[in-house]
Amino acid sequence: MRATLLAGFLISTALPANAAEQMAARGVGAGSCAEYGQFYKTDPRGTDRIYTSWAQGFMSGWNFSTLPKYRELATKSVDAQMQHIRLYCDAHPLVPFVSAVMDLYISLPERRISN
């Protein structure tokens, strides 16, 4: 129940106040690293479940958009990926969470699908 309430709150705080507002990202990734840090202090496990899911989906989608080149997500465990994101967010609290995910993404080795 607590995780469901947290998920609803996180998602609602990331939505634009004005429907006409333009955004390149939606969901928790559109919020700041500082917001992520505050939620993490309150409920680390629940926050990581939500933000990890968003980050994995974002990076997977980005990979599909760049095929036949892609970044090898499996070179770091999900725990190591979230550690990378936490460290980035700690150092850059005012940037959007998606910036931390992109920093992780570009740190991963690039591969090419071979035919």
Protein backbone atom coordinates (compact mmCIF):
# COMPACT_ATOMS: atom_id res chain seq x y z
CA MET A 1 0.00 0.00 0.00
CA ARG A 2 2.80 2.40 0.92
CA ALA A 3 4.60 1.74 -2.37
CA THR A 4 1.38 2.30 -4.32
CA LEU A 5 0.80 5.63 -2.60
CA LEU A 6 4.41 6.64 -3.18
CA ALA A 7 4.13 5.67 -6.86
CA GLY A 8 1.01 7.76 -7.30
CA PHE A 9 2.61 10.74 -5.61
CA LEU A 10 5.81 10.46 -7.63
CA ILE A 11 3.97 10.24 -10.91
CA SER A 12 1.61 13.11 -10.10
CA THR A 13 4.47 15.44 -9.12
CA ALA A 14 6.22 14.83 -12.43
CA LEU A 15 3.22 15.77 -14.57
CA PRO A 16 3.05 19.32 -15.95
CA ALA A 17 0.75 21.80 -14.24
CA ASN A 18 -0.37 23.15 -17.61
CA ALA A 19 -1.43 20.65 -20.29
CA ALA A 20 -0.01 22.96 -22.97
CA GLU A 21 3.46 22.81 -21.36
CA GLN A 22 5.91 20.98 -23.58
CA MET A 23 8.09 18.25 -22.14
CA ALA A 24 10.61 15.87 -23.63
CA ALA A 25 10.12 13.38 -20.79
CA ARG A 26 7.22 12.23 -18.67
CA GLY A 27 6.96 10.37 -15.42
CA VAL A 28 9.38 10.39 -12.52
CA GLY A 29 12.35 10.94 -14.83
CA ALA A 30 11.12 14.45 -15.56
CA GLY A 31 11.59 15.44 -11.92
CA SER A 32 14.85 16.68 -10.45
CA CYS A 33 17.62 14.70 -8.84
CA ALA A 34 16.81 16.55 -5.61
CA GLU A 35 13.24 15.20 -5.73
CA TYR A 36 14.61 11.70 -6.28
CA GLY A 37 16.92 12.18 -3.28
CA GLN A 38 14.06 13.29 -1.04
CA PHE A 39 11.90 10.32 -2.01
CA TYR A 40 14.91 7.99 -1.58
CA LYS A 41 15.47 9.22 2.00
CA THR A 42 11.82 8.48 2.83
CA ASP A 43 11.56 5.04 1.18
CA PRO A 44 14.75 3.78 -0.51
CA ARG A 45 13.36 0.44 -1.69
CA GLY A 46 10.07 1.79 -3.02
CA THR A 47 11.75 4.75 -4.67
CA ASP A 48 14.36 2.57 -6.33
CA ARG A 49 11.70 0.21 -7.68
CA ILE A 50 9.88 3.08 -9.36
CA TYR A 51 12.91 5.00 -10.59
CA THR A 52 14.76 1.85 -11.70
CA SER A 53 11.78 0.83 -13.79
CA TRP A 54 11.63 4.27 -15.40
CA ALA A 55 15.40 4.33 -16.08
CA GLN A 56 15.45 0.82 -17.57
CA GLY A 57 12.51 1.63 -19.83
CA PHE A 58 14.06 4.91 -20.92
CA MET A 59 17.43 3.33 -21.76
CA SER A 60 15.79 0.39 -23.53
CA GLY A 61 13.70 2.77 -25.61
CA TRP A 62 16.76 4.86 -26.42
CA ASN A 63 18.56 1.69 -27.53
CA PHE A 64 15.75 0.79 -29.91
CA SER A 65 15.83 4.30 -31.36
CA THR A 66 19.54 4.01 -32.22
CA LEU A 67 19.64 0.48 -33.69
CA PRO A 68 21.71 -1.11 -35.13
CA LYS A 69 23.98 0.60 -32.55
CA TYR A 70 23.02 0.31 -28.90
CA ARG A 71 24.48 0.50 -25.38
CA GLU A 72 25.03 -2.80 -23.58
CA LEU A 73 22.83 -2.44 -20.50
CA ALA A 74 23.92 -5.80 -19.06
CA THR A 75 27.53 -4.71 -18.53
CA LYS A 76 26.50 -3.28 -15.14
CA SER A 77 24.07 -4.84 -12.73
CA VAL A 78 20.89 -2.91 -12.05
CA ASP A 79 22.21 -2.20 -8.53
CA ALA A 80 25.44 -0.79 -10.00
CA GLN A 81 23.42 1.29 -12.46
CA MET A 82 21.33 2.80 -9.66
CA GLN A 83 24.49 3.47 -7.64
CA HIS A 84 25.83 5.41 -10.65
CA ILE A 85 22.58 7.38 -10.82
CA ARG A 86 22.58 8.11 -7.06
CA LEU A 87 26.16 9.39 -7.18
CA TYR A 88 25.35 11.59 -10.18
CA CYS A 89 22.22 12.97 -8.51
CA ASP A 90 24.08 13.65 -5.26
CA ALA A 91 26.59 15.74 -7.23
CA HIS A 92 23.95 17.44 -9.44
CA PRO A 93 20.74 17.90 -7.40
CA LEU A 94 19.22 20.59 -9.62
CA VAL A 95 19.32 18.67 -12.90
CA PRO A 96 16.46 16.46 -14.11
CA PHE A 97 16.68 12.79 -13.10
CA VAL A 98 16.83 11.92 -16.81
CA SER A 99 20.25 13.63 -16.96
CA ALA A 100 21.57 11.09 -14.45
CA VAL A 101 20.12 8.28 -16.54
CA MET A 102 21.74 9.68 -19.69
CA ASP A 103 25.08 9.96 -17.87
CA LEU A 104 24.79 6.28 -16.98
CA TYR A 105 23.68 5.39 -20.50
CA ILE A 106 26.66 7.02 -22.23
CA SER A 107 29.03 5.33 -19.76
CA LEU A 108 27.96 1.91 -21.06
CA PRO A 109 29.85 0.31 -23.94
CA GLU A 110 28.45 0.80 -27.41
CA ARG A 111 27.72 -2.29 -29.46
CA ARG A 112 26.46 -2.97 -32.97
CA ILE A 113 24.05 -5.68 -34.03
CA SER A 114 25.91 -7.92 -36.44
CA ASN A 115 24.09 -9.48 -39.36
